[in-house]
Amino acid sequence: MDYSFGKQYRLLKTDDFSSVFAYRNRKSRELLQVSQSGDNGLNHPRLGLVVGKKTAKRANRRNYMKRVIRDWFRLHKAELPPHDFVVRVSRAFTAAEAAQARIQLAQLMIKKR
């Protein structure tokens, strides 16, 4: 099993983010909002992250939230469809709420079969 998070699994360009937002497939929970595109034609999912300064002023808090989301994605990418995902943090979470954020990611991103 490959648990890496290489460059091919990341949304890097503005156009990539814009195409996901234009698709208008958005789901929300208390802490997170996930926008999802259709099939990206790459046979693997890609992830983009948005954590604004309004959510958390300190960079170390924003980086922690991004690290939690990236780690969850890295461990579960085999279960995800080959779509582009943009995860936006709606409300800041701490280490005490990280488990809740992971549960919400699973609810928002993994398709029920």
Protein backbone atom coordinates (compact mmCIF):
# COMPACT_ATOMS: atom_id res chain seq x y z
CA MET A 1 0.00 0.00 0.00
CA ASP A 2 1.31 3.41 -0.98
CA TYR A 3 0.78 5.99 1.77
CA SER A 4 2.80 8.78 0.18
CA PHE A 5 1.45 12.25 -0.56
CA GLY A 6 3.47 13.14 -3.63
CA LYS A 7 2.97 16.00 -6.03
CA GLN A 8 0.58 14.01 -8.23
CA TYR A 9 -1.93 13.91 -5.34
CA ARG A 10 -2.02 17.69 -4.83
CA LEU A 11 -3.99 20.47 -6.45
CA LEU A 12 -1.36 23.11 -7.08
CA LYS A 13 -2.62 25.49 -9.75
CA THR A 14 -5.32 28.14 -9.49
CA ASP A 15 -7.07 26.65 -12.52
CA ASP A 16 -7.35 23.28 -10.75
CA PHE A 17 -9.02 24.91 -7.74
CA SER A 18 -11.29 27.00 -9.99
CA SER A 19 -12.48 23.96 -11.92
CA VAL A 20 -13.45 22.20 -8.67
CA PHE A 21 -15.34 25.26 -7.41
CA ALA A 22 -17.07 25.65 -10.79
CA TYR A 23 -18.38 22.09 -10.60
CA ARG A 24 -20.54 23.19 -7.62
CA ASN A 25 -20.65 19.84 -5.84
CA ARG A 26 -20.24 20.99 -2.25
CA LYS A 27 -20.98 19.30 1.08
CA SER A 28 -20.58 20.81 4.54
CA ARG A 29 -20.35 19.80 8.16
CA GLU A 30 -19.63 21.80 11.30
CA LEU A 31 -15.85 22.05 10.85
CA LEU A 32 -15.26 21.37 7.15
CA GLN A 33 -16.61 22.03 3.70
CA VAL A 34 -15.65 19.75 0.80
CA SER A 35 -15.97 20.67 -2.88
CA GLN A 36 -15.62 17.80 -5.32
CA SER A 37 -15.17 17.67 -9.08
CA GLY A 38 -16.19 14.92 -11.44
CA ASP A 39 -13.74 12.31 -12.69
CA ASN A 40 -10.31 13.93 -13.10
CA GLY A 41 -9.06 11.33 -15.62
CA LEU A 42 -5.98 10.46 -13.56
CA ASN A 43 -7.02 7.21 -11.80
CA HIS A 44 -6.27 8.74 -8.39
CA PRO A 45 -7.77 11.50 -6.23
CA ARG A 46 -6.15 14.89 -5.69
CA LEU A 47 -6.46 17.21 -2.70
CA GLY A 48 -6.45 20.97 -2.33
CA LEU A 49 -6.65 22.79 1.01
CA VAL A 50 -8.03 26.19 1.96
CA VAL A 51 -7.47 27.45 5.50
CA GLY A 52 -7.91 31.20 5.63
CA LYS A 53 -6.57 33.69 8.11
CA LYS A 54 -10.13 34.42 9.21
CA THR A 55 -10.35 30.82 10.39
CA ALA A 56 -7.13 30.93 12.42
CA LYS A 57 -4.87 33.94 12.68
CA ARG A 58 -1.73 32.05 13.71
CA ALA A 59 0.14 30.15 10.99
CA ASN A 60 0.98 27.26 13.30
CA ARG A 61 -2.77 26.61 13.89
CA ARG A 62 -3.52 26.75 10.15
CA ASN A 63 -0.61 24.41 9.45
CA TYR A 64 -1.83 21.95 12.10
CA MET A 65 -5.28 21.77 10.50
CA LYS A 66 -3.76 21.24 7.06
CA ARG A 67 -1.48 18.52 8.44
CA VAL A 68 -4.44 16.64 9.98
CA ILE A 69 -6.39 16.78 6.69
CA ARG A 70 -3.39 15.76 4.56
CA ASP A 71 -2.64 12.84 6.87
CA TRP A 72 -6.24 11.59 6.68
CA PHE A 73 -6.17 11.89 2.88
CA ARG A 74 -2.84 10.06 2.65
CA LEU A 75 -4.20 7.10 4.63
CA HIS A 76 -7.57 6.91 2.81
CA LYS A 77 -6.76 7.85 -0.79
CA ALA A 78 -7.22 4.24 -1.96
CA GLU A 79 -10.87 4.39 -0.86
CA LEU A 80 -11.60 7.67 -2.67
CA PRO A 81 -12.90 8.02 -6.23
CA PRO A 82 -10.56 9.60 -8.83
CA HIS A 83 -11.90 13.11 -8.27
CA ASP A 84 -10.40 16.42 -7.26
CA PHE A 85 -11.29 17.51 -3.72
CA VAL A 86 -10.91 20.93 -2.13
CA VAL A 87 -11.29 20.93 1.65
CA ARG A 88 -12.06 24.29 3.24
CA VAL A 89 -11.87 24.61 7.02
CA SER A 90 -15.04 26.42 8.18
CA ARG A 91 -14.18 26.58 11.86
CA ALA A 92 -10.79 26.17 13.47
CA PHE A 93 -10.17 22.93 15.34
CA THR A 94 -7.54 21.93 17.87
CA ALA A 95 -5.95 18.61 18.73
CA ALA A 96 -8.93 17.85 20.98
CA GLU A 97 -11.31 18.17 17.99
CA ALA A 98 -9.03 16.54 15.40
CA ALA A 99 -10.81 13.18 15.72
CA GLN A 100 -14.12 14.88 14.99
CA ALA A 101 -12.57 16.54 11.92
CA ARG A 102 -11.36 13.14 10.67
CA ILE A 103 -14.86 11.68 11.09
CA GLN A 104 -16.35 14.58 9.16
CA LEU A 105 -13.80 14.10 6.36
CA ALA A 106 -14.84 10.46 6.07
CA GLN A 107 -18.51 11.42 5.96
CA LEU A 108 -17.93 14.06 3.29
CA MET A 109 -15.43 12.33 1.02
CA ILE A 110 -15.96 8.54 1.07
CA LYS A 111 -18.87 7.33 -1.04
CA LYS A 112 -21.21 4.91 0.63
CA ARG A 113 -21.43 1.75 -1.47
